[in-house]
Amino acid sequence: MQTNLFIIIMSGNHIIKPVTGLLFCICLLAASSRPKPHEVPPEKALATFQLPEGFQIEMVASEPLVADPVAMEIDEAGRMYVVEMHGYPLDKSGSGKIKLLTDTDGDGKMDKSIAFAEGLMLPTGVMRWKKGIIVTDAPNVLYLEDSDGDGKADLRDTLVTGFALSNPQHNLNNPTLGLDNWIYLGHEPAVSTQTFKSEFGDRGGDVYYPDKKETPRLPDNARGRSVRMRPDRAGLEILSANTQFGHTFDNWGRYLLVSNANHIIHQVMSAEYLKRNPNLLVSNAAQSISDHGNAAEVFPITQNPLNQLLTDLGVFTSACGSKTYQGGIFPAPFDSVMFVAEPVSNIVHADVIHDKGATFTASRVYQNKEFLASTDAWFRPVNMYIGPDGALYVVDYYRQIIEHPEWMADDVIKSGELYNGIDKGRIYCITPKGTKPLTWVNDLKTTQWTNDFLVGKLADPNIWWRRNAQRLLIDGDDKTVVAPLEQMVANEKNPLGGLHALYTLEGMNALRPELLVTALKDNAPGVRENAIKLSEPFLQDNAVQNALTSLQNDPNAKVRFQLLCTLGFLDSPEAGKARENLLFKNIEDPWMQIAALSATPSSKNNLLGAVLNRYQADNAAYSSLVERLSTMTGNGGSAVEIKTAIMRALAPEDKKNGGWQAAVLQGLALGLKNNKTAAIALKSEQNVLVSAAINNPSAAVRQGSIQLLNITGLIQNASTKLAVEKSVRTALDKKATVENRTAAINFLSLDNPKLYIGPLKNLIAPTEPLPVQLAALKTLSAVPDNTVSHFVVEQWPSLTRDVRNAAINTFMVNESRISLLLDALEKKIIDPSAIGWPRSVGLMAQGNAALKARSRMLLTKKDDGRMEVVKAYAPALSMTASIDNGRTVFQKNCSACHQIGGKSGTPYGPDLGTIRNRRPESIMGDILNPNLSIADGFDIWSIEIKEGEPVQGLIATESPTALTIKNYGGQETVIARANIKSLKALGMSVMPAGLENQISQQEMADLLLYLKQGKQDTAAH
């Protein structure tokens, strides 16, 4: 289900936790109470920006020279190619263009524009190549060339075709020339559209070169992953991960991706390594590297933002256009920073990237603020580019609405505003303050592009020069440059120059193994890492093999990781020993485990035996590795091999080397999901597994046995009957351990859970430990009818927060249960806040039109009882306010229950430190109408206990045996579950209504300013 807030060509699926703040609410004020934002003319645009001290921003181009820009490229002649996508969101008439912008007077601003190419549908990217440009325009990758020098393309060729023409934000995009001479195409799975099926229902087919026979064909829309191509060599490959709109590389060629809600992702494992071993199941070859979370908070400064129905406020929802800064003129730490655009929030975000084993971690450069933010709600940054001057260029689509109508309310779609701004667009340039005016246009026009000049530019601090010099040298294919390139590799003074020299030689088919042996000894880890990759075509060379194995104790983690990946192609005793050494010395890094297991399968290698011989029960990495190995056995092993592994795991435990048995069983269960033939053959092991599931002293082994039985199925016999009877007794035995009771309930799910509806219902009660309740709820949900839904609705007032969260999930499995959930919302039995943002979006964007409309009506319904009060305070939103006075209002009226960032108050209600990024009217609505939608965990409960007085308050924490109740002022009471007689949610917020009697409109204005613009830190570094 899509939760997409279209960020131009880039919205996607995202599952996001609700924003922490006062209270969650989708709709607080009527749209008419907010002024609609109007466009800002180009001459006033720079005044809308907030940029860190030390940087400056200039406008390079704007309407009427350019409109609806989504991508750009600057070539070696100083020409700026700009992709214009006028058709977004619904126009497929062919209105897309490539504009060619030039600066005729050399003042650094574009002043001439001609249409280089027209008639494109929904173009999404451009890249300089050969004598022309490559353009992505689904379903095609096009080559356009101006052969007669008039500034207009007269040659058009389809290089590759077959990609899906799906919802535009999911189409292929941003062709990018990699360090390795491959052209990378951003791409992700086609997404089915419910509302616009005829326009965007094409899901693609084989992706291939239409004019080249006997070349690769990538099936099924390239399986929804990104693609790379080498048209000059007919190369075409599926990558191991996908990206939405935009992708980028760091200096050393590491590949960084993006999706709407997840702004920075690293593709760690390449596809060529993962496909060597078909038994290795790796569901994700990429890793999110943000240390501030997926759907991270953002801090816009937009005035009068007009967000759409499914816009998740205050977090990344449209991340796109990522770019690692490699321009060479920004100060530290920007030599290790990735920028990412967030057009829905009108910002550009910055993260500094640090090494972390085989991958990275990314941290905010600035806390509680963004690198670039605008007060203009029409500012829509969608892409970025490093220019020949080292500046960061920001492409601004400049539209009133950028979310896709698939995710909008009907009234907005019919408003006629979808294309407001179609004639507008801007391109900005960001440089360090004091940087001289742009002169690169004139400089490039007079540059003499000799071979010596190009070889020298391979070592330039700016990636624009390095990349273009490499491209032009390969295109020229002059073998006289081979010697100076080899000298550059041997000269260690400039590692980046040597790196690009290596890949230039590769592109010219002039790379020698002798040179690689030299590069493998380079002082720069990044050079060694890439030399290992480049050595793969030469693995049969003994000198190369020896040089590789000598790196197994390299001090750099990424060098060791790449070495382990590459050695997986070699089936020799030396390579096997080196791989084993690399694995066990780096076993804590899960990616090193995956790299080791990806090696081409060999009968000579008994890695599982080696792991069990070294097994350390107190080190979770060993358990993880055993599970991975066992998953491989379950996925690709024979029935005999799997049976042997099961019997070994269930044999009497070896006290000296125990603890691995559960990992073996759990891994086998994962693998057997894809090995049905072997699973069927395991019926003879059922009695052994049933016995282990009931009697084994290890809770983990019991759970692993149950997981296996869940795959093989449960045969009804005398042994099974006894096991079921024992499980029922254990599940109901309050004296049994929580682990034993939970395992027993899980075992009952293997049988017909409908037989145990009564006992399961009795186990879902506040007097029972939380794990027992959750297991019983899950098993009850396995009853295929609506029993669980009716039960949840009936018992809702007595279900605690964690049980409620799991209970909502039981509704989301089919339309019949969803209908019952909507009934409960309509009757006000269940509050919309309990559903949470991701599930709310799923309900409001589902395929069933009737349920979709009903969900939107119920989940955006306003509480008219207090709306008049909220509307009466509307003038506070436009009053001049004082932060100091706002601090006083907070201390007097709010600090008894709230803190800001863990300070300045009492931690009773929600911490208000995370609401700076919310709209003032949203905050005000929550203050004045607190019961409209109660924040998760901040509703009041009434607990009747068996011995003592009733207690009311928040459920602060819950454990298997007790609840902690927090009261006004911070006082806490611990209540044993066994002492609870009844528990009921009162449906009231801890925050009382009626604050309008204590806070005037002016005080409200002051308070809002204080909450929005209290003291903010500057830089994280």
Foldseek 3Di string as FASTA:
>chain_A
DFLAFFLFLAFGRDDDFAFFFFFDALFFFDPVLFDAFDDDDPVCFLVFKDFDPQKHKDFQDKPPQDALWFEWDADLLGKIWTWHFLCPQFFQQWAIFIKIWHDPPQQRHTDDIDTQDTRAGGWAEWDDADQFIWIDGPQFTKTFHDPPPPSHTPDIDTFKGFAFQARSQQGKHYFDQFLLRKTKIAHFFHDQFQPPCVRGVGRTAWMAGPVDPPADTQGRNVNGAIWIADSVVSDIHGWQHHAGAAWEAALLGWIWHQHQQQQTKTQLDTPVLQVLAVLFDDPHSMGRAEPQDGQHFAFAQAGRADGFSSDRFGGRRHKHAKYQQQLQADDPPSSQKIWIFRFSRQAIFIWGWADDFSRIHTYGQWFNHGNMHGRRNQFNFHHWDQDPNSWIKTWTNRASGRTHPLQGDPCVVPVPRSSHRRSIITMMTMGGPPDDRDRVNVVSNPDDLDLVVLLVQCLPSGVVSVVNSLSVLLSVLDCVCLVVLLVQLLDQPRLSSVSSSQSSCVSSVNHDVVSLLSQCPHPDLSSVLVSLVVCLVVCVDPSNVVSLLVCLVPPDSNNNLSSLLSLLADDDPSSLVSLVSSCVVPLVDVSSLVSNVSRNDDPVDDVLVVLLVVPDLVDVSSLVSLLSVLLSCLQDNALVSLVVLLCVLLPPADVVRDNNSLSNLQSNLNNVVNVLVSLQVCPVCLLVLLCCLQPPPDLSSVVSSLSSCLSNADDDDPSLVVSLVSLLVQLPDPPHDPSNNLSSLSNCLSPQLVVVLPVLLVCLALLFFPSSNLSSLVSNLSNPDCPLLVSCLVCVFFHDLVSLLSSLVSQPPDDVSLVSVLVSLVVVSDFLQSCGSSSLSCQCSDNPPVSNVSSSCSSNPHDVVQSVVLSVLSVLLVDDAAQVLLLVLCLVPPQQDEAAPPDRHDPARGHNVSCLSPRLSVVSSCQQPVLNGAHRQFFKKWWDWQDDDIDIATQPDHGRFWTWGADRNGDIDIDGSNGTPTMGTPSHGPRDHDCCVVAPSRNSSNNSCNSNDPDTGTTPD
